[in-house]
Amino acid sequence: MLSEILEIIVPKGWFLKVTPGTKYITIGGAIASDVHGKNHHIDGCFSEFVLEFRLFLPSGDIVTVKKGDELFYATCGGMGLTGIILDAKIQLKKINSKNIKQTIIKTKNLQETFEAFEKYANTRYSVAWIDCLAKGKNSGEVY
C-alpha cells in the first residue's frame, strides 16, 4: 500500500512523484487506475513515473513489462484487465521535509476559483474545495 511505502521513504527524504487523494491503495491499483494527484496539470499521471512492473497474465505466465511496451500502456489505466501487477519499479521525488508549505486562497464562487487556478497554473500542487450548498452570488454559477 502507498501508506506503507510512504512510512519508509518519507523519513529518508523521498516522496511519490504523483500521489492520489488517498494513501490506502496499492502500487498495482495506482498503476491499473493510472491515478493522478494535485499536481496532474504539471506532472501527469502515476504511469509517467513507472519504469517497469511484473505482470501475472491470465495465461499463468509472469512477464516483465517496461515503459514503451504495448502491454505497459494497456495495463496503465487498464483497471486490471491485462493481469495482476505483482511488483513495480517507480521513480521517486527528493524532498527536503515531510512538512508542506501551503498558500490558501479563498474565493467566493466558481468564477473566482477558475480565475485563481489560471493565475496559479504554474504552481505544482493545487486543489479546491467547493461549497455545493452555497446560494445566490456565492453559488457555483459562473458569472
Protein backbone atom coordinates (compact mmCIF):
# COMPACT_ATOMS: atom_id res chain seq x y z
CA MET A 1 0.00 0.00 0.00
CA LEU A 2 1.10 3.56 -0.57
CA SER A 3 0.79 4.21 3.17
CA GLU A 4 3.41 1.53 3.89
CA ILE A 5 5.73 2.85 1.19
CA LEU A 6 5.38 6.42 2.48
CA GLU A 7 6.27 5.29 6.03
CA ILE A 8 9.59 4.02 4.66
CA ILE A 9 10.53 6.64 2.07
CA VAL A 10 9.43 9.94 3.65
CA PRO A 11 11.83 9.71 6.66
CA LYS A 12 14.61 9.07 4.11
CA GLY A 13 13.76 12.24 2.19
CA TRP A 14 11.72 10.77 -0.68
CA PHE A 15 8.13 11.05 -1.86
CA LEU A 16 5.98 9.71 -4.68
CA LYS A 17 6.06 11.91 -7.78
CA VAL A 18 2.28 11.59 -8.12
CA THR A 19 0.06 10.88 -5.12
CA PRO A 20 -3.69 10.28 -5.31
CA GLY A 21 -6.16 11.62 -2.75
CA THR A 22 -5.73 8.52 -0.59
CA LYS A 23 -2.72 6.57 0.60
CA TYR A 24 -4.84 3.47 1.16
CA ILE A 25 -4.33 1.89 -2.26
CA THR A 26 -1.69 -0.42 -3.64
CA ILE A 27 1.01 0.41 -6.17
CA GLY A 28 -0.71 -2.07 -8.50
CA GLY A 29 -4.00 -0.26 -8.03
CA ALA A 30 -2.33 3.10 -8.68
CA ILE A 31 -0.93 1.74 -11.95
CA ALA A 32 -4.12 -0.07 -13.01
CA SER A 33 -6.15 3.10 -12.39
CA ASP A 34 -3.35 5.40 -13.59
CA VAL A 35 -4.20 7.72 -10.72
CA HIS A 36 -3.42 11.41 -10.64
CA GLY A 37 -2.77 13.82 -7.84
CA LYS A 38 -2.94 17.51 -7.05
CA ASN A 39 -0.05 18.01 -9.49
CA HIS A 40 -1.65 16.38 -12.54
CA HIS A 41 -1.64 19.60 -14.57
CA ILE A 42 2.16 19.72 -14.38
CA ASP A 43 3.43 16.18 -13.73
CA GLY A 44 0.77 13.98 -15.30
CA CYS A 45 -0.44 10.58 -14.10
CA PHE A 46 1.16 7.88 -11.97
CA SER A 47 2.25 5.92 -15.05
CA GLU A 48 4.59 8.76 -16.05
CA PHE A 49 6.87 7.61 -13.22
CA VAL A 50 6.57 3.84 -13.54
CA LEU A 51 9.67 2.28 -15.09
CA GLU A 52 8.55 -1.35 -15.23
CA PHE A 53 6.44 -3.94 -13.47
CA ARG A 54 5.93 -7.69 -13.37
CA LEU A 55 2.53 -8.82 -14.57
CA PHE A 56 0.79 -12.13 -13.85
CA LEU A 57 -1.09 -12.82 -17.09
CA PRO A 58 -4.42 -14.71 -17.37
CA SER A 59 -2.43 -17.50 -19.06
CA GLY A 60 -0.47 -18.01 -15.84
CA ASP A 61 2.75 -16.57 -17.28
CA ILE A 62 4.65 -13.83 -15.46
CA VAL A 63 6.22 -11.16 -17.68
CA THR A 64 8.29 -8.07 -17.03
CA VAL A 65 6.66 -5.09 -18.72
CA LYS A 66 8.76 -1.99 -19.43
CA LYS A 67 7.75 1.53 -20.30
CA GLY A 68 7.34 1.68 -24.06
CA ASP A 69 5.91 -1.83 -24.36
CA GLU A 70 2.39 -2.09 -25.78
CA LEU A 71 1.36 -4.11 -22.71
CA PHE A 72 2.65 -1.29 -20.48
CA TYR A 73 0.18 1.19 -21.97
CA ALA A 74 -2.65 -1.35 -21.99
CA THR A 75 -2.08 -2.05 -18.28
CA CYS A 76 -1.69 1.56 -17.09
CA GLY A 77 -5.28 2.68 -16.71
CA GLY A 78 -6.49 -0.77 -17.82
CA MET A 79 -8.24 -1.42 -14.49
CA GLY A 80 -6.68 -4.87 -14.12
CA LEU A 81 -7.90 -6.31 -17.42
CA THR A 82 -4.41 -7.35 -18.56
CA GLY A 83 -3.50 -9.24 -15.39
CA ILE A 84 -2.29 -8.78 -11.83
CA ILE A 85 0.58 -6.39 -11.14
CA LEU A 86 2.98 -8.20 -8.81
CA ASP A 87 5.60 -5.51 -8.23
CA ALA A 88 6.89 -2.35 -9.84
CA LYS A 89 9.90 -0.08 -10.19
CA ILE A 90 8.91 3.56 -9.85
CA GLN A 91 10.70 6.91 -9.78
CA LEU A 92 10.62 8.89 -6.55
CA LYS A 93 10.99 12.59 -5.80
CA LYS A 94 13.58 14.02 -3.40
CA ILE A 95 12.05 16.16 -0.64
CA ASN A 96 13.63 18.44 1.98
CA SER A 97 10.99 17.91 4.66
CA LYS A 98 7.85 15.96 5.44
CA ASN A 99 6.09 19.30 6.01
CA ILE A 100 4.15 21.13 3.31
CA LYS A 101 4.31 24.88 2.75
CA GLN A 102 0.87 25.97 1.60
CA THR A 103 -0.89 29.08 0.41
CA ILE A 104 -4.63 29.39 0.99
CA ILE A 105 -6.69 31.43 -1.47
CA LYS A 106 -10.34 31.98 -0.60
CA THR A 107 -12.76 32.54 -3.45
CA LYS A 108 -16.44 33.45 -3.38
CA ASN A 109 -17.73 31.43 -6.34
CA LEU A 110 -16.67 29.18 -9.20
CA GLN A 111 -15.69 32.07 -11.45
CA GLU A 112 -13.19 33.34 -8.86
CA THR A 113 -11.99 29.78 -8.33
CA PHE A 114 -11.34 29.30 -12.06
CA GLU A 115 -9.53 32.66 -12.17
CA ALA A 116 -7.33 31.61 -9.24
CA PHE A 117 -6.46 28.33 -10.97
CA GLU A 118 -5.49 30.26 -14.11
CA LYS A 119 -3.40 32.75 -12.12
CA TYR A 120 -1.53 29.98 -10.27
CA ALA A 121 -1.38 27.49 -13.17
CA ASN A 122 2.39 27.07 -12.73
CA THR A 123 2.07 26.11 -9.07
CA ARG A 124 2.92 22.41 -8.82
CA TYR A 125 0.13 21.35 -6.43
CA SER A 126 -3.37 22.79 -6.38
CA VAL A 127 -6.75 21.76 -5.05
CA ALA A 128 -10.12 23.39 -4.44
CA TRP A 129 -12.95 22.60 -2.08
CA ILE A 130 -16.34 23.77 -3.29
CA ASP A 131 -19.33 24.59 -1.09
CA CYS A 132 -22.07 22.87 -3.07
CA LEU A 133 -24.75 24.19 -0.73
CA ALA A 134 -23.94 27.89 -1.29
CA LYS A 135 -26.79 30.06 -2.60
CA GLY A 136 -27.10 33.23 -4.67
CA LYS A 137 -23.96 35.13 -5.71
CA ASN A 138 -21.81 32.67 -3.70
CA SER A 139 -23.16 29.68 -5.59
CA GLY A 140 -21.39 27.66 -8.21
CA GLU A 141 -22.81 29.75 -11.03
CA VAL A 142 -20.22 31.22 -13.37
CA TYR A 143 -20.88 34.93 -13.99
